[in-house]
Amino acid sequence: KFHFLCHSLLNLFHRDIVYLISKRPSLVGLIGILISIFISTCKGQEKPERDHLSSLFEQPINTL
């Protein structure tokens, strides 16, 4: 179930990221770091890291 959630989130973020890159190229580096963290976390880390990561992702997306 979590794998499916991961996949959906990656698709959602991909769409947002393409939009962000077109609007704010300076964010590309930061987003790249976040995505690599997210992907490595998706590949099977413990719950506390996932919770920390989701809060990491919510902040930039909510501020748009």
C-alpha atoms as a PDB file:
ATOM      1  CA  LYS A   1       0.000   0.000   0.000  1.00  0.00           C
ATOM      2  CA  PHE A   2       2.788   2.420   0.856  1.00  0.00           C
ATOM      3  CA  HIS A   3       4.485   1.703  -2.457  1.00  0.00           C
ATOM      4  CA  PHE A   4       1.344   2.827  -4.295  1.00  0.00           C
ATOM      5  CA  LEU A   5       1.204   5.985  -2.161  1.00  0.00           C
ATOM      6  CA  CYS A   6       4.836   6.628  -2.985  1.00  0.00           C
ATOM      7  CA  HIS A   7       4.170   6.263  -6.676  1.00  0.00           C
ATOM      8  CA  SER A   8       1.192   8.641  -6.553  1.00  0.00           C
ATOM      9  CA  LEU A   9       3.175  11.219  -4.614  1.00  0.00           C
ATOM     10  CA  LEU A  10       6.047  11.029  -7.083  1.00  0.00           C
ATOM     11  CA  ASN A  11       3.645  11.616  -9.967  1.00  0.00           C
ATOM     12  CA  LEU A  12       2.023  14.529  -8.149  1.00  0.00           C
ATOM     13  CA  PHE A  13       5.390  16.085  -7.293  1.00  0.00           C
ATOM     14  CA  HIS A  14       6.618  15.592 -10.833  1.00  0.00           C
ATOM     15  CA  ARG A  15       3.763  17.720 -12.144  1.00  0.00           C
ATOM     16  CA  ASP A  16       4.354  20.402  -9.512  1.00  0.00           C
ATOM     17  CA  ILE A  17       8.090  20.345 -10.156  1.00  0.00           C
ATOM     18  CA  VAL A  18       7.720  20.847 -13.895  1.00  0.00           C
ATOM     19  CA  TYR A  19       5.541  23.857 -13.129  1.00  0.00           C
ATOM     20  CA  LEU A  20       7.980  25.175 -10.523  1.00  0.00           C
ATOM     21  CA  ILE A  21      10.948  24.808 -12.838  1.00  0.00           C
ATOM     22  CA  SER A  22       9.177  26.808 -15.530  1.00  0.00           C
ATOM     23  CA  LYS A  23       8.326  29.555 -13.009  1.00  0.00           C
ATOM     24  CA  ARG A  24      11.355  29.562 -10.695  1.00  0.00           C
ATOM     25  CA  PRO A  25      14.537  28.060 -12.143  1.00  0.00           C
ATOM     26  CA  SER A  26      16.427  28.890  -8.942  1.00  0.00           C
ATOM     27  CA  LEU A  27      14.466  26.172  -7.139  1.00  0.00           C
ATOM     28  CA  VAL A  28      15.724  23.393  -9.417  1.00  0.00           C
ATOM     29  CA  GLY A  29      18.698  22.557  -7.176  1.00  0.00           C
ATOM     30  CA  LEU A  30      16.616  22.483  -4.006  1.00  0.00           C
ATOM     31  CA  ILE A  31      13.927  20.382  -5.633  1.00  0.00           C
ATOM     32  CA  GLY A  32      16.517  17.940  -6.947  1.00  0.00           C
ATOM     33  CA  ILE A  33      17.789  17.418  -3.410  1.00  0.00           C
ATOM     34  CA  LEU A  34      14.267  16.928  -2.065  1.00  0.00           C
ATOM     35  CA  ILE A  35      13.408  14.439  -4.795  1.00  0.00           C
ATOM     36  CA  SER A  36      16.538  12.378  -4.217  1.00  0.00           C
ATOM     37  CA  ILE A  37      15.757  12.305  -0.485  1.00  0.00           C
ATOM     38  CA  PHE A  38      12.152  11.358  -1.217  1.00  0.00           C
ATOM     39  CA  ILE A  39      13.108   8.570  -3.621  1.00  0.00           C
ATOM     40  CA  SER A  40      15.675   7.068  -1.247  1.00  0.00           C
ATOM     41  CA  THR A  41      13.134   7.269   1.576  1.00  0.00           C
ATOM     42  CA  CYS A  42      10.537   5.616  -0.653  1.00  0.00           C
ATOM     43  CA  LYS A  43      12.856   2.680  -1.153  1.00  0.00           C
ATOM     44  CA  GLY A  44      12.159   1.507   2.368  1.00  0.00           C
ATOM     45  CA  GLN A  45      13.201   3.639   5.318  1.00  0.00           C
ATOM     46  CA  GLU A  46      11.589   3.793   8.744  1.00  0.00           C
ATOM     47  CA  LYS A  47       8.407   5.699   9.553  1.00  0.00           C
ATOM     48  CA  PRO A  48       9.929   8.674  11.441  1.00  0.00           C
ATOM     49  CA  GLU A  49      11.988   9.613   8.390  1.00  0.00           C
ATOM     50  CA  ARG A  50       8.936   9.436   6.140  1.00  0.00           C
ATOM     51  CA  ASP A  51       7.001  11.702   8.500  1.00  0.00           C
ATOM     52  CA  HIS A  52       9.871  14.185   8.596  1.00  0.00           C
ATOM     53  CA  LEU A  53      10.096  14.029   4.822  1.00  0.00           C
ATOM     54  CA  SER A  54       6.394  14.628   4.267  1.00  0.00           C
ATOM     55  CA  SER A  55       6.576  17.765   6.415  1.00  0.00           C
ATOM     56  CA  LEU A  56       9.597  18.811   4.364  1.00  0.00           C
ATOM     57  CA  PHE A  57       7.543  18.493   1.194  1.00  0.00           C
ATOM     58  CA  GLU A  58       4.379  20.095   2.535  1.00  0.00           C
ATOM     59  CA  GLN A  59       6.100  23.367   3.348  1.00  0.00           C
ATOM     60  CA  PRO A  60       7.228  24.395  -0.161  1.00  0.00           C
ATOM     61  CA  ILE A  61       4.033  23.157  -1.793  1.00  0.00           C
ATOM     62  CA  ASN A  62       1.752  24.928   0.665  1.00  0.00           C
ATOM     63  CA  THR A  63       3.582  28.227   0.228  1.00  0.00           C
ATOM     64  CA  LEU A  64       2.903  28.338  -3.530  1.00  0.00           C
END
